[in-house]
Amino acid sequence: MTVNWLPMVRVRRRGPLPGSTEVFGASDRALYPEIERIMGEGKSLRAAAWVSAGKVDGTSSPRGRWERLMARYRRERLWATAQRVG
């Protein structure tokens, strides 16, 4: 049995940290009023984001853009509101 005694070296990632660049933030936030309108009609956030998914900017798949929009809305509107209240 051979054992490799070389220490493991952690490779540093190049470029900006994940999530630190704000590429599609403004275009996502422009859809917030539409999402809130659809949610006001009794639909869920998932359904409202799916209806708006065709208008989301980005180069990923439609599902990826939909998930990004939902995550950003939750982070900026729902969780921020809950932290202020609670």
N, C-alpha and C. Protein backbone atom coordinates (compact mmCIF):
# COMPACT_ATOMS: atom_id res chain seq x y z
N MET A 1 0.84 -1.17 0.00
CA MET A 1 0.00 0.00 0.00
C MET A 1 0.89 1.24 0.00
N THR A 2 0.64 2.12 -0.96
CA THR A 2 1.42 3.35 -1.00
C THR A 2 0.59 4.49 -0.45
N VAL A 3 1.27 5.35 0.24
CA VAL A 3 0.61 6.50 0.85
C VAL A 3 1.23 7.76 0.29
N ASN A 4 0.40 8.67 -0.14
CA ASN A 4 0.88 9.94 -0.65
C ASN A 4 1.01 10.89 0.53
N TRP A 5 2.23 11.30 0.86
CA TRP A 5 2.48 12.14 2.01
C TRP A 5 2.48 13.62 1.68
N LEU A 6 2.17 13.97 0.46
CA LEU A 6 2.13 15.38 0.10
C LEU A 6 0.92 16.03 0.75
N PRO A 7 1.10 17.19 1.32
CA PRO A 7 -0.06 17.86 1.93
C PRO A 7 -1.05 18.31 0.87
N MET A 8 -2.32 18.29 1.23
CA MET A 8 -3.34 18.74 0.30
C MET A 8 -3.30 20.26 0.24
N VAL A 9 -3.32 20.79 -0.94
CA VAL A 9 -3.27 22.23 -1.13
C VAL A 9 -4.63 22.68 -1.63
N ARG A 10 -5.18 23.67 -0.96
CA ARG A 10 -6.48 24.21 -1.38
C ARG A 10 -6.24 25.18 -2.52
N VAL A 11 -6.92 24.96 -3.61
CA VAL A 11 -6.78 25.82 -4.78
C VAL A 11 -7.69 27.03 -4.61
N ARG A 12 -7.12 28.20 -4.76
CA ARG A 12 -7.90 29.43 -4.61
C ARG A 12 -8.68 29.72 -5.88
N ARG A 13 -9.94 30.06 -5.73
CA ARG A 13 -10.77 30.40 -6.87
C ARG A 13 -10.34 31.75 -7.42
N ARG A 14 -10.41 31.88 -8.71
CA ARG A 14 -10.09 33.14 -9.34
C ARG A 14 -11.38 33.92 -9.58
N GLY A 15 -11.26 35.22 -9.65
CA GLY A 15 -12.42 36.05 -9.95
C GLY A 15 -13.16 36.47 -8.70
N PRO A 16 -14.30 37.13 -8.91
CA PRO A 16 -15.07 37.61 -7.76
C PRO A 16 -15.73 36.46 -7.00
N LEU A 17 -16.05 36.71 -5.77
CA LEU A 17 -16.73 35.71 -4.96
C LEU A 17 -18.12 35.45 -5.53
N PRO A 18 -18.61 34.23 -5.44
CA PRO A 18 -19.95 33.94 -5.95
C PRO A 18 -20.99 34.82 -5.26
N GLY A 19 -21.85 35.42 -6.05
CA GLY A 19 -22.91 36.26 -5.52
C GLY A 19 -22.51 37.70 -5.26
N SER A 20 -21.25 38.05 -5.54
CA SER A 20 -20.82 39.41 -5.24
C SER A 20 -21.04 40.38 -6.40
N THR A 21 -21.30 39.86 -7.57
CA THR A 21 -21.57 40.75 -8.70
C THR A 21 -23.07 40.89 -8.89
N GLU A 22 -23.52 42.06 -9.18
CA GLU A 22 -24.95 42.36 -9.30
C GLU A 22 -25.27 42.56 -10.78
N VAL A 23 -25.35 41.46 -11.53
CA VAL A 23 -25.52 41.56 -12.97
C VAL A 23 -26.98 41.81 -13.35
N PHE A 24 -27.88 41.01 -12.85
CA PHE A 24 -29.29 41.09 -13.26
C PHE A 24 -30.19 41.64 -12.16
N GLY A 25 -29.63 42.27 -11.16
CA GLY A 25 -30.42 42.76 -10.03
C GLY A 25 -31.46 43.78 -10.43
N ALA A 26 -31.07 44.76 -11.23
CA ALA A 26 -32.02 45.82 -11.60
C ALA A 26 -33.16 45.28 -12.44
N SER A 27 -32.85 44.37 -13.37
CA SER A 27 -33.92 43.83 -14.22
C SER A 27 -34.84 42.91 -13.42
N ASP A 28 -34.28 42.20 -12.42
CA ASP A 28 -35.13 41.36 -11.56
C ASP A 28 -36.04 42.23 -10.71
N ARG A 29 -35.49 43.30 -10.12
CA ARG A 29 -36.29 44.17 -9.27
C ARG A 29 -37.40 44.88 -10.04
N ALA A 30 -37.21 45.09 -11.33
CA ALA A 30 -38.25 45.72 -12.15
C ALA A 30 -39.49 44.82 -12.25
N LEU A 31 -39.33 43.53 -12.00
CA LEU A 31 -40.46 42.59 -12.07
C LEU A 31 -41.18 42.43 -10.72
N TYR A 32 -40.64 43.00 -9.64
CA TYR A 32 -41.27 42.87 -8.33
C TYR A 32 -42.72 43.36 -8.30
N PRO A 33 -43.06 44.52 -8.90
CA PRO A 33 -44.47 44.94 -8.87
C PRO A 33 -45.40 43.93 -9.53
N GLU A 34 -44.95 43.33 -10.62
CA GLU A 34 -45.79 42.33 -11.29
C GLU A 34 -45.95 41.09 -10.41
N ILE A 35 -44.87 40.67 -9.77
CA ILE A 35 -44.95 39.51 -8.88
C ILE A 35 -45.91 39.80 -7.73
N GLU A 36 -45.81 40.98 -7.15
CA GLU A 36 -46.70 41.34 -6.04
C GLU A 36 -48.16 41.43 -6.49
N ARG A 37 -48.38 41.90 -7.71
CA ARG A 37 -49.75 41.97 -8.24
C ARG A 37 -50.32 40.57 -8.39
N ILE A 38 -49.53 39.65 -8.94
CA ILE A 38 -50.00 38.28 -9.14
C ILE A 38 -50.21 37.58 -7.80
N MET A 39 -49.32 37.85 -6.85
CA MET A 39 -49.49 37.25 -5.52
C MET A 39 -50.72 37.81 -4.83
N GLY A 40 -51.06 39.05 -5.11
CA GLY A 40 -52.27 39.66 -4.55
C GLY A 40 -53.55 39.02 -5.06
N GLU A 41 -53.44 38.35 -6.21
CA GLU A 41 -54.60 37.64 -6.77
C GLU A 41 -54.76 36.25 -6.17
N GLY A 42 -53.90 35.91 -5.21
CA GLY A 42 -54.02 34.62 -4.54
C GLY A 42 -53.07 33.56 -5.02
N LYS A 43 -52.16 33.89 -5.91
CA LYS A 43 -51.19 32.91 -6.41
C LYS A 43 -49.99 32.87 -5.47
N SER A 44 -49.23 31.78 -5.55
CA SER A 44 -48.03 31.65 -4.74
C SER A 44 -46.87 32.40 -5.38
N LEU A 45 -45.80 32.53 -4.63
CA LEU A 45 -44.60 33.16 -5.17
C LEU A 45 -44.05 32.36 -6.34
N ARG A 46 -44.08 31.04 -6.22
CA ARG A 46 -43.59 30.19 -7.32
C ARG A 46 -44.38 30.43 -8.59
N ALA A 47 -45.69 30.49 -8.48
CA ALA A 47 -46.54 30.71 -9.65
C ALA A 47 -46.33 32.11 -10.22
N ALA A 48 -46.21 33.09 -9.35
CA ALA A 48 -46.02 34.46 -9.81
C ALA A 48 -44.68 34.62 -10.52
N ALA A 49 -43.65 34.00 -9.97
CA ALA A 49 -42.33 34.07 -10.61
C ALA A 49 -42.33 33.31 -11.93
N TRP A 50 -43.08 32.21 -12.00
CA TRP A 50 -43.12 31.43 -13.24
C TRP A 50 -43.80 32.23 -14.35
N VAL A 51 -44.87 32.95 -14.01
CA VAL A 51 -45.55 33.78 -15.00
C VAL A 51 -44.60 34.87 -15.50
N SER A 52 -43.79 35.41 -14.62
CA SER A 52 -42.85 36.48 -14.98
C SER A 52 -41.55 35.95 -15.57
N ALA A 53 -41.34 34.65 -15.56
CA ALA A 53 -40.05 34.09 -15.97
C ALA A 53 -39.69 34.38 -17.42
N GLY A 54 -40.67 34.54 -18.26
CA GLY A 54 -40.38 34.84 -19.67
C GLY A 54 -39.79 36.22 -19.87
N LYS A 55 -39.92 37.08 -18.88
CA LYS A 55 -39.43 38.46 -18.99
C LYS A 55 -38.11 38.67 -18.27
N VAL A 56 -37.57 37.63 -17.63
CA VAL A 56 -36.35 37.75 -16.84
C VAL A 56 -35.15 37.72 -17.78
N ASP A 57 -34.22 38.67 -17.57
CA ASP A 57 -32.99 38.70 -18.36
C ASP A 57 -32.03 37.64 -17.85
N GLY A 58 -31.19 37.16 -18.74
CA GLY A 58 -30.16 36.19 -18.34
C GLY A 58 -29.83 35.26 -19.47
N THR A 59 -28.76 34.50 -19.26
CA THR A 59 -28.30 33.57 -20.30
C THR A 59 -28.53 32.12 -19.91
N SER A 60 -29.02 31.89 -18.71
CA SER A 60 -29.24 30.51 -18.26
C SER A 60 -30.57 29.99 -18.78
N SER A 61 -30.92 28.80 -18.36
CA SER A 61 -32.18 28.20 -18.78
C SER A 61 -33.34 28.97 -18.15
N PRO A 62 -34.53 28.84 -18.70
CA PRO A 62 -35.69 29.52 -18.10
C PRO A 62 -35.89 29.13 -16.63
N ARG A 63 -35.64 27.87 -16.31
CA ARG A 63 -35.80 27.43 -14.92
C ARG A 63 -34.77 28.11 -14.02
N GLY A 64 -33.54 28.26 -14.49
CA GLY A 64 -32.50 28.92 -13.71
C GLY A 64 -32.83 30.38 -13.46
N ARG A 65 -33.36 31.06 -14.47
CA ARG A 65 -33.76 32.47 -14.30
C ARG A 65 -34.92 32.58 -13.33
N TRP A 66 -35.86 31.64 -13.42
CA TRP A 66 -37.01 31.60 -12.52
C TRP A 66 -36.55 31.41 -11.08
N GLU A 67 -35.63 30.47 -10.86
CA GLU A 67 -35.13 30.22 -9.52
C GLU A 67 -34.36 31.42 -8.97
N ARG A 68 -33.58 32.08 -9.83
CA ARG A 68 -32.84 33.27 -9.40
C ARG A 68 -33.80 34.39 -8.99
N LEU A 69 -34.85 34.59 -9.77
CA LEU A 69 -35.84 35.61 -9.46
C LEU A 69 -36.54 35.32 -8.14
N MET A 70 -36.93 34.07 -7.93
CA MET A 70 -37.60 33.69 -6.68
C MET A 70 -36.67 33.88 -5.49
N ALA A 71 -35.43 33.44 -5.61
CA ALA A 71 -34.47 33.55 -4.51
C ALA A 71 -34.20 35.01 -4.17
N ARG A 72 -34.05 35.85 -5.20
CA ARG A 72 -33.78 37.27 -4.95
C ARG A 72 -34.99 37.94 -4.30
N TYR A 73 -36.19 37.60 -4.76
CA TYR A 73 -37.40 38.20 -4.17
C TYR A 73 -37.54 37.79 -2.71
N ARG A 74 -37.32 36.51 -2.43
CA ARG A 74 -37.40 36.04 -1.05
C ARG A 74 -36.38 36.75 -0.17
N ARG A 75 -35.16 36.84 -0.65
CA ARG A 75 -34.07 37.44 0.13
C ARG A 75 -34.32 38.93 0.39
N GLU A 76 -34.78 39.65 -0.64
CA GLU A 76 -34.89 41.10 -0.52
C GLU A 76 -36.22 41.58 0.02
N ARG A 77 -37.28 40.87 -0.24
CA ARG A 77 -38.60 41.34 0.19
C ARG A 77 -39.14 40.56 1.37
N LEU A 78 -39.20 39.25 1.26
CA LEU A 78 -39.86 38.47 2.31
C LEU A 78 -39.01 38.36 3.57
N TRP A 79 -37.75 37.96 3.44
CA TRP A 79 -36.91 37.78 4.62
C TRP A 79 -36.55 39.11 5.25
N ALA A 80 -36.33 40.13 4.43
CA ALA A 80 -36.00 41.44 4.99
C ALA A 80 -37.18 41.98 5.78
N THR A 81 -38.40 41.77 5.30
CA THR A 81 -39.59 42.21 6.02
C THR A 81 -39.75 41.45 7.31
N ALA A 82 -39.51 40.14 7.29
CA ALA A 82 -39.65 39.32 8.49
C ALA A 82 -38.62 39.72 9.55
N GLN A 83 -37.43 40.08 9.15
CA GLN A 83 -36.41 40.48 10.11
C GLN A 83 -36.74 41.82 10.75
N ARG A 84 -37.33 42.73 9.97
CA ARG A 84 -37.70 44.03 10.51
C ARG A 84 -38.84 43.91 11.52
N VAL A 85 -39.80 43.01 11.22
CA VAL A 85 -40.97 42.86 12.08
C VAL A 85 -40.60 42.09 13.33
N GLY A 86 -39.87 40.96 13.16
CA GLY A 86 -39.59 40.06 14.29
C GLY A 86 -38.42 40.48 15.02
